[in-house]
């Protein structure tokens, strides 16, 4: 199983979109992603899974943070920081679709 590493890179796409060629399996408290091309598995907790679901190519980082803030009842600043770091990890692992 792959471990997502931290990176200081910025999120490239202003409206991040998850790759649609990844296999997803929802569990009660987690989401499993499988990258067939790389033969890698990623395990997302509830917060990361919620952020993943919001990466639809329509919402900005700030828009995703607003949704996370409301859903998990956390301060917007906390949600913004969490969303940004999660999107950086998604990007570093190649889980987000490339900018068009």
N, C-alpha and C. Protein backbone atom coordinates (compact mmCIF):
# COMPACT_ATOMS: atom_id res chain seq x y z
N UNK A 1 0.84 -1.16 0.00
CA UNK A 1 0.00 0.00 0.00
C UNK A 1 0.89 1.23 0.00
N UNK A 2 0.59 2.21 -0.82
CA UNK A 2 1.41 3.42 -0.92
C UNK A 2 1.11 4.35 0.25
N UNK A 3 2.12 5.02 0.71
CA UNK A 3 1.97 6.02 1.74
C UNK A 3 2.13 7.38 1.08
N UNK A 4 1.17 8.27 1.35
CA UNK A 4 1.25 9.59 0.76
C UNK A 4 2.26 10.42 1.54
N UNK A 5 3.20 11.01 0.82
CA UNK A 5 4.23 11.83 1.45
C UNK A 5 3.87 13.29 1.35
N UNK A 6 4.36 14.06 2.29
CA UNK A 6 4.07 15.49 2.31
C UNK A 6 4.96 16.22 1.31
N UNK A 7 4.42 17.30 0.76
CA UNK A 7 5.18 18.11 -0.18
C UNK A 7 4.79 19.56 0.03
N UNK A 8 5.66 20.47 -0.32
CA UNK A 8 5.38 21.90 -0.18
C UNK A 8 4.92 22.51 -1.50
N UNK A 9 4.72 21.71 -2.50
CA UNK A 9 4.28 22.22 -3.80
C UNK A 9 2.88 22.81 -3.68
N UNK A 10 2.59 23.74 -4.57
CA UNK A 10 1.25 24.31 -4.59
C UNK A 10 0.36 23.47 -5.49
N UNK A 11 -0.93 23.57 -5.27
CA UNK A 11 -1.88 22.86 -6.11
C UNK A 11 -1.95 23.57 -7.45
N UNK A 12 -1.68 22.83 -8.53
CA UNK A 12 -1.58 23.43 -9.86
C UNK A 12 -2.91 23.88 -10.43
N UNK A 13 -3.94 23.10 -10.24
CA UNK A 13 -5.23 23.36 -10.87
C UNK A 13 -6.12 24.18 -9.93
N UNK A 14 -6.67 25.31 -10.39
CA UNK A 14 -7.54 26.11 -9.52
C UNK A 14 -8.85 25.39 -9.18
N UNK A 15 -9.23 24.41 -9.98
CA UNK A 15 -10.42 23.60 -9.69
C UNK A 15 -10.02 22.13 -9.83
N UNK A 16 -9.42 21.56 -8.78
CA UNK A 16 -8.89 20.19 -8.86
C UNK A 16 -9.97 19.17 -9.22
N UNK A 17 -9.55 18.21 -10.03
CA UNK A 17 -10.46 17.14 -10.46
C UNK A 17 -9.76 15.80 -10.27
N UNK A 18 -10.48 14.89 -9.62
CA UNK A 18 -9.91 13.55 -9.40
C UNK A 18 -9.84 12.80 -10.72
N UNK A 19 -8.86 11.93 -10.84
CA UNK A 19 -8.76 11.08 -12.04
C UNK A 19 -9.92 10.10 -12.03
N UNK A 20 -10.55 9.93 -13.18
CA UNK A 20 -11.68 9.00 -13.25
C UNK A 20 -11.27 7.59 -13.65
N UNK A 21 -9.98 7.34 -13.84
CA UNK A 21 -9.55 5.99 -14.20
C UNK A 21 -9.09 5.19 -12.99
N UNK A 22 -9.23 5.75 -11.80
CA UNK A 22 -8.86 5.04 -10.58
C UNK A 22 -10.05 4.20 -10.10
N UNK A 23 -9.76 3.04 -9.57
CA UNK A 23 -10.80 2.17 -9.03
C UNK A 23 -11.04 2.61 -7.58
N UNK A 24 -12.32 2.81 -7.23
CA UNK A 24 -12.67 3.24 -5.88
C UNK A 24 -13.50 2.17 -5.19
N UNK A 25 -13.22 1.98 -3.89
CA UNK A 25 -14.02 1.07 -3.08
C UNK A 25 -14.27 1.76 -1.75
N UNK A 26 -15.54 2.04 -1.46
CA UNK A 26 -15.90 2.70 -0.21
C UNK A 26 -16.07 1.68 0.89
N UNK A 27 -15.47 1.97 2.03
CA UNK A 27 -15.64 1.19 3.25
C UNK A 27 -16.37 2.09 4.25
N UNK A 28 -16.84 1.55 5.37
CA UNK A 28 -17.60 2.40 6.30
C UNK A 28 -16.88 3.68 6.73
N UNK A 29 -15.58 3.61 7.01
CA UNK A 29 -14.87 4.79 7.50
C UNK A 29 -13.69 5.20 6.64
N UNK A 30 -13.55 4.59 5.47
CA UNK A 30 -12.40 4.85 4.61
C UNK A 30 -12.79 4.70 3.14
N UNK A 31 -11.90 5.15 2.29
CA UNK A 31 -12.05 4.97 0.85
C UNK A 31 -10.74 4.42 0.31
N UNK A 32 -10.85 3.36 -0.47
CA UNK A 32 -9.67 2.76 -1.09
C UNK A 32 -9.64 3.21 -2.55
N UNK A 33 -8.48 3.69 -2.99
CA UNK A 33 -8.25 4.03 -4.38
C UNK A 33 -7.19 3.08 -4.92
N UNK A 34 -7.41 2.60 -6.13
CA UNK A 34 -6.43 1.72 -6.76
C UNK A 34 -6.05 2.29 -8.11
N UNK A 35 -4.76 2.54 -8.30
CA UNK A 35 -4.23 3.02 -9.57
C UNK A 35 -3.74 1.79 -10.33
N UNK A 36 -4.51 1.37 -11.32
CA UNK A 36 -4.21 0.16 -12.08
C UNK A 36 -2.88 0.30 -12.81
N UNK A 37 -2.63 1.47 -13.40
CA UNK A 37 -1.41 1.68 -14.18
C UNK A 37 -0.15 1.55 -13.33
N UNK A 38 -0.20 2.05 -12.11
CA UNK A 38 0.97 2.01 -11.22
C UNK A 38 0.93 0.83 -10.25
N UNK A 39 -0.19 0.10 -10.24
CA UNK A 39 -0.40 -1.00 -9.29
C UNK A 39 -0.17 -0.51 -7.86
N UNK A 40 -0.83 0.63 -7.53
CA UNK A 40 -0.70 1.23 -6.21
C UNK A 40 -2.08 1.37 -5.58
N UNK A 41 -2.12 1.18 -4.27
CA UNK A 41 -3.34 1.33 -3.49
C UNK A 41 -3.15 2.50 -2.53
N UNK A 42 -4.19 3.30 -2.39
CA UNK A 42 -4.19 4.44 -1.47
C UNK A 42 -5.40 4.31 -0.55
N UNK A 43 -5.19 4.54 0.73
CA UNK A 43 -6.24 4.45 1.72
C UNK A 43 -6.52 5.85 2.26
N UNK A 44 -7.74 6.32 2.09
CA UNK A 44 -8.11 7.66 2.52
C UNK A 44 -9.02 7.57 3.74
N UNK A 45 -8.74 8.40 4.74
CA UNK A 45 -9.63 8.48 5.90
C UNK A 45 -10.88 9.28 5.51
N UNK A 46 -11.78 9.48 6.46
CA UNK A 46 -13.05 10.15 6.15
C UNK A 46 -12.85 11.57 5.62
N UNK A 47 -11.94 12.30 6.22
CA UNK A 47 -11.72 13.68 5.78
C UNK A 47 -11.12 13.71 4.38
N UNK A 48 -10.10 12.91 4.15
CA UNK A 48 -9.49 12.86 2.81
C UNK A 48 -10.48 12.35 1.77
N UNK A 49 -11.32 11.40 2.15
CA UNK A 49 -12.34 10.87 1.23
C UNK A 49 -13.36 11.96 0.88
N UNK A 50 -13.75 12.77 1.87
CA UNK A 50 -14.69 13.86 1.60
C UNK A 50 -14.06 14.88 0.64
N UNK A 51 -12.79 15.20 0.86
CA UNK A 51 -12.09 16.12 -0.04
C UNK A 51 -11.99 15.51 -1.43
N UNK A 52 -11.68 14.23 -1.51
CA UNK A 52 -11.61 13.52 -2.79
C UNK A 52 -12.93 13.65 -3.55
N UNK A 53 -14.04 13.42 -2.86
CA UNK A 53 -15.36 13.49 -3.50
C UNK A 53 -15.66 14.89 -4.03
N UNK A 54 -15.10 15.91 -3.38
CA UNK A 54 -15.35 17.30 -3.80
C UNK A 54 -14.44 17.75 -4.93
N UNK A 55 -13.46 16.94 -5.30
CA UNK A 55 -12.56 17.26 -6.42
C UNK A 55 -13.25 16.90 -7.73
N UNK A 56 -14.22 17.72 -8.10
CA UNK A 56 -15.05 17.44 -9.27
C UNK A 56 -14.71 18.33 -10.46
N UNK A 57 -13.68 19.17 -10.33
CA UNK A 57 -13.32 20.08 -11.41
C UNK A 57 -14.18 21.32 -11.47
N UNK A 58 -15.12 21.45 -10.54
CA UNK A 58 -16.02 22.61 -10.50
C UNK A 58 -15.72 23.51 -9.31
N UNK A 59 -15.22 22.92 -8.24
CA UNK A 59 -14.99 23.68 -7.01
C UNK A 59 -13.52 24.10 -6.90
N UNK A 60 -13.31 25.29 -6.38
CA UNK A 60 -11.95 25.77 -6.11
C UNK A 60 -11.49 25.20 -4.77
N UNK A 61 -10.21 25.41 -4.47
CA UNK A 61 -9.68 25.00 -3.18
C UNK A 61 -10.51 25.64 -2.06
N UNK A 62 -10.80 26.92 -2.19
CA UNK A 62 -11.60 27.62 -1.18
C UNK A 62 -13.01 27.05 -1.09
N UNK A 63 -13.60 26.71 -2.23
CA UNK A 63 -14.94 26.12 -2.24
C UNK A 63 -14.96 24.76 -1.56
N UNK A 64 -13.93 23.97 -1.80
CA UNK A 64 -13.81 22.66 -1.14
C UNK A 64 -13.66 22.87 0.36
N UNK A 65 -12.82 23.83 0.75
CA UNK A 65 -12.61 24.12 2.17
C UNK A 65 -13.91 24.56 2.85
N UNK A 66 -14.73 25.36 2.16
CA UNK A 66 -16.02 25.78 2.72
C UNK A 66 -16.91 24.58 3.00
N UNK A 67 -16.95 23.64 2.05
CA UNK A 67 -17.77 22.43 2.22
C UNK A 67 -17.26 21.58 3.38
N UNK A 68 -15.95 21.42 3.46
CA UNK A 68 -15.34 20.63 4.53
C UNK A 68 -15.59 21.29 5.88
N UNK A 69 -15.46 22.60 5.93
CA UNK A 69 -15.70 23.35 7.16
C UNK A 69 -17.12 23.12 7.67
N UNK A 70 -18.09 23.19 6.77
CA UNK A 70 -19.49 22.99 7.16
C UNK A 70 -19.75 21.54 7.54
N UNK A 71 -19.28 20.60 6.75
CA UNK A 71 -19.56 19.18 6.98
C UNK A 71 -18.96 18.67 8.29
N UNK A 72 -17.73 19.09 8.58
CA UNK A 72 -17.03 18.58 9.77
C UNK A 72 -17.07 19.57 10.94
N UNK A 73 -17.76 20.69 10.77
CA UNK A 73 -17.90 21.71 11.83
C UNK A 73 -16.54 22.15 12.38
N UNK A 74 -15.67 22.54 11.47
CA UNK A 74 -14.35 23.07 11.86
C UNK A 74 -14.21 24.48 11.32
N UNK A 75 -13.29 25.22 11.90
CA UNK A 75 -13.04 26.59 11.44
C UNK A 75 -12.60 26.57 9.98
N UNK A 76 -12.99 27.60 9.24
CA UNK A 76 -12.65 27.66 7.82
C UNK A 76 -11.14 27.64 7.61
N UNK A 77 -10.38 28.33 8.46
CA UNK A 77 -8.94 28.37 8.33
C UNK A 77 -8.33 26.97 8.48
N UNK A 78 -8.86 26.21 9.42
CA UNK A 78 -8.40 24.84 9.63
C UNK A 78 -8.72 23.99 8.40
N UNK A 79 -9.95 24.13 7.92
CA UNK A 79 -10.37 23.37 6.73
C UNK A 79 -9.51 23.75 5.53
N UNK A 80 -9.24 25.02 5.35
CA UNK A 80 -8.44 25.48 4.22
C UNK A 80 -7.03 24.88 4.27
N UNK A 81 -6.43 24.87 5.43
CA UNK A 81 -5.10 24.29 5.59
C UNK A 81 -5.12 22.78 5.31
N UNK A 82 -6.13 22.09 5.86
CA UNK A 82 -6.25 20.64 5.65
C UNK A 82 -6.49 20.30 4.19
N UNK A 83 -7.36 21.06 3.54
CA UNK A 83 -7.67 20.81 2.13
C UNK A 83 -6.44 21.05 1.28
N UNK A 84 -5.74 22.14 1.54
CA UNK A 84 -4.55 22.44 0.74
C UNK A 84 -3.51 21.33 0.87
N UNK A 85 -3.22 20.88 2.09
CA UNK A 85 -2.21 19.84 2.27
C UNK A 85 -2.67 18.51 1.67
N UNK A 86 -3.96 18.22 1.76
CA UNK A 86 -4.48 16.98 1.17
C UNK A 86 -4.40 17.03 -0.35
N UNK A 87 -4.75 18.15 -0.94
CA UNK A 87 -4.67 18.29 -2.40
C UNK A 87 -3.22 18.22 -2.87
N UNK A 88 -2.30 18.75 -2.09
CA UNK A 88 -0.88 18.65 -2.44
C UNK A 88 -0.44 17.19 -2.47
N UNK A 89 -0.90 16.42 -1.48
CA UNK A 89 -0.56 14.99 -1.46
C UNK A 89 -1.20 14.26 -2.63
N UNK A 90 -2.48 14.56 -2.91
CA UNK A 90 -3.14 13.94 -4.07
C UNK A 90 -2.36 14.23 -5.34
N UNK A 91 -1.96 15.49 -5.50
CA UNK A 91 -1.22 15.90 -6.69
C UNK A 91 0.13 15.20 -6.76
N UNK A 92 0.85 15.14 -5.65
CA UNK A 92 2.17 14.51 -5.62
C UNK A 92 2.09 13.02 -5.98
N UNK A 93 1.01 12.39 -5.60
CA UNK A 93 0.82 10.96 -5.90
C UNK A 93 0.21 10.71 -7.27
N UNK A 94 -0.11 11.79 -7.99
CA UNK A 94 -0.68 11.64 -9.34
C UNK A 94 -2.14 11.24 -9.35
N UNK A 95 -2.87 11.57 -8.28
CA UNK A 95 -4.28 11.17 -8.19
C UNK A 95 -5.23 12.17 -8.84
N UNK A 96 -4.74 13.38 -9.10
CA UNK A 96 -5.57 14.41 -9.72
C UNK A 96 -5.33 14.43 -11.23
N UNK A 97 -6.39 14.74 -11.95
CA UNK A 97 -6.28 14.86 -13.41
C UNK A 97 -5.41 16.08 -13.73
N UNK A 98 -4.71 16.01 -14.83
CA UNK A 98 -3.86 17.12 -15.27
C UNK A 98 -4.72 18.31 -15.68
N UNK A 99 -4.16 19.52 -15.50
CA UNK A 99 -4.85 20.72 -15.93
C UNK A 99 -5.06 20.64 -17.44
N UNK A 100 -6.20 21.13 -17.88
CA UNK A 100 -6.48 21.10 -19.33
C UNK A 100 -5.79 22.21 -20.06
